Amino acid sequence: GQNDVTDNPLFVSSWPKVDLHPQEPSPTVNAGSAESASADDVDGRLRDTVPDIGAYEFASGTTHEK
């Protein structure tokens, strides 16, 4: 589709301790479509007008355990 990402999504971590939050400079950030997107992500964070691809919206300055 139009918003497919083929580059490494730069998630915080993968197997065995999976954390699918995007980290900067993930190509998923601001690459989604607002059409049919939920108003907030899985963490309850409001999505931007141009949402990120995936369950989590990127938030600058947010850290996640690796």
C-alpha atoms as a PDB file:
ATOM      1  CA  GLY A   1       0.000   0.000   0.000  1.00  0.00           C
ATOM      2  CA  GLN A   2       0.891   3.667  -0.044  1.00  0.00           C
ATOM      3  CA  ASN A   3       2.202   3.737   3.541  1.00  0.00           C
ATOM      4  CA  ASP A   4       4.152   0.459   3.590  1.00  0.00           C
ATOM      5  CA  VAL A   5       7.536   0.567   5.321  1.00  0.00           C
ATOM      6  CA  THR A   6      10.264  -1.803   4.166  1.00  0.00           C
ATOM      7  CA  ASP A   7      13.139  -0.303   6.188  1.00  0.00           C
ATOM      8  CA  ASN A   8      14.010  -1.422   9.722  1.00  0.00           C
ATOM      9  CA  PRO A   9      11.212   0.045  11.917  1.00  0.00           C
ATOM     10  CA  LEU A  10      13.726   0.705  14.743  1.00  0.00           C
ATOM     11  CA  PHE A  11      11.606  -0.695  17.542  1.00  0.00           C
ATOM     12  CA  VAL A  12      13.052  -0.389  21.056  1.00  0.00           C
ATOM     13  CA  SER A  13      13.723  -4.134  21.219  1.00  0.00           C
ATOM     14  CA  SER A  14      12.803  -7.475  19.726  1.00  0.00           C
ATOM     15  CA  TRP A  15      13.044 -11.095  20.802  1.00  0.00           C
ATOM     16  CA  PRO A  16      13.115 -12.223  23.567  1.00  0.00           C
ATOM     17  CA  LYS A  17      11.970  -9.023  25.344  1.00  0.00           C
ATOM     18  CA  VAL A  18       9.725  -7.397  22.764  1.00  0.00           C
ATOM     19  CA  ASP A  19       9.034  -3.648  22.925  1.00  0.00           C
ATOM     20  CA  LEU A  20       7.422  -2.369  19.738  1.00  0.00           C
ATOM     21  CA  HIS A  21       7.571   1.329  20.621  1.00  0.00           C
ATOM     22  CA  PRO A  22       9.299   3.156  17.756  1.00  0.00           C
ATOM     23  CA  GLN A  23      12.507   4.987  18.524  1.00  0.00           C
ATOM     24  CA  GLU A  24      13.939   7.936  16.632  1.00  0.00           C
ATOM     25  CA  PRO A  25      14.444   8.006  13.626  1.00  0.00           C
ATOM     26  CA  SER A  26      11.946   5.198  12.906  1.00  0.00           C
ATOM     27  CA  PRO A  27      10.467   5.307   9.391  1.00  0.00           C
ATOM     28  CA  THR A  28       7.080   4.496  10.995  1.00  0.00           C
ATOM     29  CA  VAL A  29       6.883   7.944  12.630  1.00  0.00           C
ATOM     30  CA  ASN A  30       4.348  10.184  10.867  1.00  0.00           C
ATOM     31  CA  ALA A  31       3.996   7.587   8.100  1.00  0.00           C
ATOM     32  CA  GLY A  32       0.469   6.402   8.896  1.00  0.00           C
ATOM     33  CA  SER A  33      -2.914   7.516   7.709  1.00  0.00           C
ATOM     34  CA  ALA A  34      -5.505   9.262   9.850  1.00  0.00           C
ATOM     35  CA  GLU A  35      -8.249   7.493   7.902  1.00  0.00           C
ATOM     36  CA  SER A  36      -9.814   4.898  10.222  1.00  0.00           C
ATOM     37  CA  ALA A  37      -7.049   5.419  12.815  1.00  0.00           C
ATOM     38  CA  SER A  38      -7.964   5.374  16.491  1.00  0.00           C
ATOM     39  CA  ALA A  39      -7.707   8.680  18.365  1.00  0.00           C
ATOM     40  CA  ASP A  40      -5.120   7.252  20.748  1.00  0.00           C
ATOM     41  CA  ASP A  41      -2.522   4.478  20.833  1.00  0.00           C
ATOM     42  CA  VAL A  42      -2.323   1.364  23.027  1.00  0.00           C
ATOM     43  CA  ASP A  43      -0.692   3.422  25.818  1.00  0.00           C
ATOM     44  CA  GLY A  44      -3.519   5.977  25.669  1.00  0.00           C
ATOM     45  CA  ARG A  45      -1.288   8.615  24.046  1.00  0.00           C
ATOM     46  CA  LEU A  46      -3.181  10.834  21.575  1.00  0.00           C
ATOM     47  CA  ARG A  47      -2.153  10.361  17.978  1.00  0.00           C
ATOM     48  CA  ASP A  48      -0.832  13.263  15.882  1.00  0.00           C
ATOM     49  CA  THR A  49      -2.752  14.584  12.882  1.00  0.00           C
ATOM     50  CA  VAL A  50      -0.398  12.357  10.859  1.00  0.00           C
ATOM     51  CA  PRO A  51      -0.273   9.227  13.024  1.00  0.00           C
ATOM     52  CA  ASP A  52       2.570   6.758  13.243  1.00  0.00           C
ATOM     53  CA  ILE A  53       2.280   3.274  11.785  1.00  0.00           C
ATOM     54  CA  GLY A  54       1.712   0.686  14.488  1.00  0.00           C
ATOM     55  CA  ALA A  55       0.148   0.340  17.900  1.00  0.00           C
ATOM     56  CA  TYR A  56       2.319   3.011  19.542  1.00  0.00           C
ATOM     57  CA  GLU A  57       2.678   6.710  18.791  1.00  0.00           C
ATOM     58  CA  PHE A  58       6.265   7.990  19.055  1.00  0.00           C
ATOM     59  CA  ALA A  59       6.833  10.501  21.845  1.00  0.00           C
ATOM     60  CA  SER A  60      10.086  12.439  21.845  1.00  0.00           C
ATOM     61  CA  GLY A  61      11.933  12.165  25.135  1.00  0.00           C
ATOM     62  CA  THR A  62      10.090   9.009  26.191  1.00  0.00           C
ATOM     63  CA  THR A  63      12.317   6.149  27.236  1.00  0.00           C
ATOM     64  CA  HIS A  64      11.474   2.478  27.377  1.00  0.00           C
ATOM     65  CA  GLU A  65      13.373  -0.316  29.093  1.00  0.00           C
ATOM     66  CA  LYS A  66      15.588  -2.218  26.649  1.00  0.00           C
END
